[in-house]
C-alpha atoms as a PDB file:
ATOM      1  CA  UNK A   1       0.000   0.000   0.000  1.00  0.00           C
ATOM      2  CA  UNK A   2       3.001   2.255  -0.372  1.00  0.00           C
ATOM      3  CA  UNK A   3       2.237   5.343  -2.440  1.00  0.00           C
ATOM      4  CA  UNK A   4       3.632   5.711  -5.919  1.00  0.00           C
ATOM      5  CA  UNK A   5       5.626   8.791  -6.875  1.00  0.00           C
ATOM      6  CA  UNK A   6       2.736   9.754  -9.152  1.00  0.00           C
ATOM      7  CA  UNK A   7       0.136   9.500  -6.363  1.00  0.00           C
ATOM      8  CA  UNK A   8       2.344  11.616  -4.083  1.00  0.00           C
ATOM      9  CA  UNK A   9       2.594  14.305  -6.775  1.00  0.00           C
ATOM     10  CA  UNK A  10      -1.157  14.174  -7.404  1.00  0.00           C
ATOM     11  CA  UNK A  11      -1.900  14.382  -3.653  1.00  0.00           C
ATOM     12  CA  UNK A  12       0.228  17.503  -3.304  1.00  0.00           C
ATOM     13  CA  UNK A  13      -1.601  19.138  -6.206  1.00  0.00           C
ATOM     14  CA  UNK A  14      -5.030  18.126  -4.874  1.00  0.00           C
ATOM     15  CA  UNK A  15      -4.293  19.627  -1.445  1.00  0.00           C
ATOM     16  CA  UNK A  16      -3.990  23.000  -3.173  1.00  0.00           C
ATOM     17  CA  UNK A  17      -7.179  22.620  -5.241  1.00  0.00           C
ATOM     18  CA  UNK A  18      -9.705  21.080  -2.858  1.00  0.00           C
ATOM     19  CA  UNK A  19     -13.388  21.476  -3.744  1.00  0.00           C
ATOM     20  CA  UNK A  20     -15.737  23.508  -1.574  1.00  0.00           C
ATOM     21  CA  UNK A  21     -17.267  20.371   0.028  1.00  0.00           C
ATOM     22  CA  UNK A  22     -13.782  18.957   0.686  1.00  0.00           C
ATOM     23  CA  UNK A  23     -12.724  22.211   2.354  1.00  0.00           C
ATOM     24  CA  UNK A  24     -15.894  22.215   4.469  1.00  0.00           C
ATOM     25  CA  UNK A  25     -15.321  18.643   5.627  1.00  0.00           C
ATOM     26  CA  UNK A  26     -11.607  19.261   6.224  1.00  0.00           C
ATOM     27  CA  UNK A  27     -12.503  22.246   8.385  1.00  0.00           C
ATOM     28  CA  UNK A  28     -14.665  19.926  10.522  1.00  0.00           C
ATOM     29  CA  UNK A  29     -12.102  17.073  10.662  1.00  0.00           C
ATOM     30  CA  UNK A  30      -8.756  18.829  11.078  1.00  0.00           C
ATOM     31  CA  UNK A  31      -7.145  19.214  14.457  1.00  0.00           C
ATOM     32  CA  UNK A  32      -8.717  16.014  15.838  1.00  0.00           C
ATOM     33  CA  UNK A  33     -12.142  17.676  16.096  1.00  0.00           C
ATOM     34  CA  UNK A  34     -14.043  14.442  15.424  1.00  0.00           C
ATOM     35  CA  UNK A  35     -13.735  12.231  18.505  1.00  0.00           C
ATOM     36  CA  UNK A  36     -10.031  13.052  18.826  1.00  0.00           C
ATOM     37  CA  UNK A  37      -9.242  11.265  15.538  1.00  0.00           C
ATOM     38  CA  UNK A  38      -6.411  12.433  13.305  1.00  0.00           C
ATOM     39  CA  UNK A  39      -7.292  12.687   9.629  1.00  0.00           C
ATOM     40  CA  UNK A  40      -4.979  13.444   6.719  1.00  0.00           C
ATOM     41  CA  UNK A  41      -6.262  15.199   3.624  1.00  0.00           C
ATOM     42  CA  UNK A  42      -5.591  14.106   0.042  1.00  0.00           C
ATOM     43  CA  UNK A  43      -3.658  11.080   1.250  1.00  0.00           C
ATOM     44  CA  UNK A  44      -1.912   8.758  -1.246  1.00  0.00           C
ATOM     45  CA  UNK A  45      -2.732   5.039  -0.904  1.00  0.00           C
ATOM     46  CA  UNK A  46      -0.814   2.992  -3.441  1.00  0.00           C
ATOM     47  CA  UNK A  47      -1.728   4.340  -6.890  1.00  0.00           C
ATOM     48  CA  UNK A  48      -4.747   6.264  -5.538  1.00  0.00           C
ATOM     49  CA  UNK A  49      -5.351   9.438  -3.533  1.00  0.00           C
ATOM     50  CA  UNK A  50      -8.211   9.457  -1.016  1.00  0.00           C
ATOM     51  CA  UNK A  51      -9.812  12.713   0.119  1.00  0.00           C
ATOM     52  CA  UNK A  52      -9.312  11.967   3.830  1.00  0.00           C
ATOM     53  CA  UNK A  53      -7.628   9.138   5.717  1.00  0.00           C
ATOM     54  CA  UNK A  54      -7.628   8.083   9.368  1.00  0.00           C
ATOM     55  CA  UNK A  55      -4.598   5.824   9.881  1.00  0.00           C
ATOM     56  CA  UNK A  56      -5.615   4.803  13.410  1.00  0.00           C
ATOM     57  CA  UNK A  57      -8.759   3.090  12.078  1.00  0.00           C
ATOM     58  CA  UNK A  58      -7.567   2.457   8.508  1.00  0.00           C
ATOM     59  CA  UNK A  59     -10.480   4.420   7.094  1.00  0.00           C
ATOM     60  CA  UNK A  60     -10.668   6.356   3.826  1.00  0.00           C
ATOM     61  CA  UNK A  61     -13.316   9.044   3.368  1.00  0.00           C
ATOM     62  CA  UNK A  62     -14.358  10.187  -0.098  1.00  0.00           C
ATOM     63  CA  UNK A  63     -16.499  13.235  -0.879  1.00  0.00           C
ATOM     64  CA  UNK A  64     -18.413  12.530  -4.093  1.00  0.00           C
ATOM     65  CA  UNK A  65     -19.990  14.972  -6.508  1.00  0.00           C
ATOM     66  CA  UNK A  66     -22.598  14.169  -9.155  1.00  0.00           C
ATOM     67  CA  UNK A  67     -19.921  13.024 -11.611  1.00  0.00           C
ATOM     68  CA  UNK A  68     -19.343   9.917  -9.472  1.00  0.00           C
ATOM     69  CA  UNK A  69     -22.787   8.592 -10.435  1.00  0.00           C
ATOM     70  CA  UNK A  70     -21.851   8.502 -14.139  1.00  0.00           C
ATOM     71  CA  UNK A  71     -21.239   5.056 -15.616  1.00  0.00           C
ATOM     72  CA  UNK A  72     -17.492   5.037 -16.296  1.00  0.00           C
ATOM     73  CA  UNK A  73     -16.626   7.052 -13.173  1.00  0.00           C
ATOM     74  CA  UNK A  74     -18.858   4.813 -11.060  1.00  0.00           C
ATOM     75  CA  UNK A  75     -17.096   1.734 -12.470  1.00  0.00           C
ATOM     76  CA  UNK A  76     -13.653   3.192 -11.722  1.00  0.00           C
ATOM     77  CA  UNK A  77     -14.811   4.103  -8.200  1.00  0.00           C
ATOM     78  CA  UNK A  78     -15.952   0.510  -7.635  1.00  0.00           C
ATOM     79  CA  UNK A  79     -12.572  -0.865  -8.775  1.00  0.00           C
ATOM     80  CA  UNK A  80     -10.773   1.638  -6.571  1.00  0.00           C
ATOM     81  CA  UNK A  81     -12.974   0.808  -3.565  1.00  0.00           C
ATOM     82  CA  UNK A  82     -12.277  -2.906  -4.038  1.00  0.00           C
ATOM     83  CA  UNK A  83      -8.524  -2.279  -4.221  1.00  0.00           C
ATOM     84  CA  UNK A  84      -8.623  -0.155  -1.067  1.00  0.00           C
ATOM     85  CA  UNK A  85     -10.681  -2.766   0.797  1.00  0.00           C
ATOM     86  CA  UNK A  86      -8.311  -5.576  -0.288  1.00  0.00           C
ATOM     87  CA  UNK A  87      -5.569  -3.570   1.438  1.00  0.00           C
ATOM     88  CA  UNK A  88      -7.564  -3.720   4.668  1.00  0.00           C
ATOM     89  CA  UNK A  89      -8.770  -0.129   4.555  1.00  0.00           C
ATOM     90  CA  UNK A  90     -12.426   0.739   5.121  1.00  0.00           C
ATOM     91  CA  UNK A  91     -14.052   3.257   2.829  1.00  0.00           C
ATOM     92  CA  UNK A  92     -16.986   5.633   3.231  1.00  0.00           C
ATOM     93  CA  UNK A  93     -18.381   7.810   0.443  1.00  0.00           C
ATOM     94  CA  UNK A  94     -20.276  10.966   1.337  1.00  0.00           C
ATOM     95  CA  UNK A  95     -22.229  13.023  -1.216  1.00  0.00           C
ATOM     96  CA  UNK A  96     -21.132  16.632  -1.775  1.00  0.00           C
ATOM     97  CA  UNK A  97     -24.661  17.832  -1.117  1.00  0.00           C
ATOM     98  CA  UNK A  98     -24.777  16.251   2.319  1.00  0.00           C
ATOM     99  CA  UNK A  99     -21.484  17.847   3.329  1.00  0.00           C
ATOM    100  CA  UNK A 100     -22.745  21.267   2.247  1.00  0.00           C
ATOM    101  CA  UNK A 101     -26.287  20.975   3.608  1.00  0.00           C
ATOM    102  CA  UNK A 102     -25.803  18.949   6.806  1.00  0.00           C
ATOM    103  CA  UNK A 103     -22.192  18.659   7.969  1.00  0.00           C
ATOM    104  CA  UNK A 104     -23.364  17.048  11.232  1.00  0.00           C
ATOM    105  CA  UNK A 105     -24.938  14.174   9.272  1.00  0.00           C
ATOM    106  CA  UNK A 106     -21.764  13.764   7.224  1.00  0.00           C
ATOM    107  CA  UNK A 107     -19.685  13.604  10.406  1.00  0.00           C
ATOM    108  CA  UNK A 108     -22.136  11.071  11.840  1.00  0.00           C
ATOM    109  CA  UNK A 109     -21.594   8.874   8.763  1.00  0.00           C
ATOM    110  CA  UNK A 110     -17.855   9.046   9.343  1.00  0.00           C
ATOM    111  CA  UNK A 111     -18.308   8.273  13.035  1.00  0.00           C
ATOM    112  CA  UNK A 112     -20.357   5.166  12.193  1.00  0.00           C
ATOM    113  CA  UNK A 113     -17.716   4.065   9.673  1.00  0.00           C
ATOM    114  CA  UNK A 114     -15.031   4.476  12.371  1.00  0.00           C
ATOM    115  CA  UNK A 115     -17.089   2.335  14.768  1.00  0.00           C
ATOM    116  CA  UNK A 116     -17.499  -0.332  12.079  1.00  0.00           C
ATOM    117  CA  UNK A 117     -13.772  -0.226  11.245  1.00  0.00           C
ATOM    118  CA  UNK A 118     -12.759  -0.570  14.883  1.00  0.00           C
ATOM    119  CA  UNK A 119     -15.211  -3.439  15.470  1.00  0.00           C
ATOM    120  CA  UNK A 120     -14.095  -5.367  12.396  1.00  0.00           C
END
């Protein structure tokens, strides 16, 4: 699960160009604000970059816009999710709209995913 040089370069670029929902969620996660958990943003995992990653619970968090529902993107997301899960990392996908309209609900989804990851 070591990052590739390409994924490291992409992660660095993505940290500078985060979307509005990603910034909103990062603002709520950074500094161990969610249950004292440390999250990293735009974290490289092997050939991929996940929006947020909690190493303590091996959990990736993705913030998805409407484009992720499209056929080819949805297929790539499924392959990526399978690869991440084969590496022993849990994955939760949160819609952009939920992050922007109800950040508390988005954080609750992450909290439930953390509970599931720590129980499994």
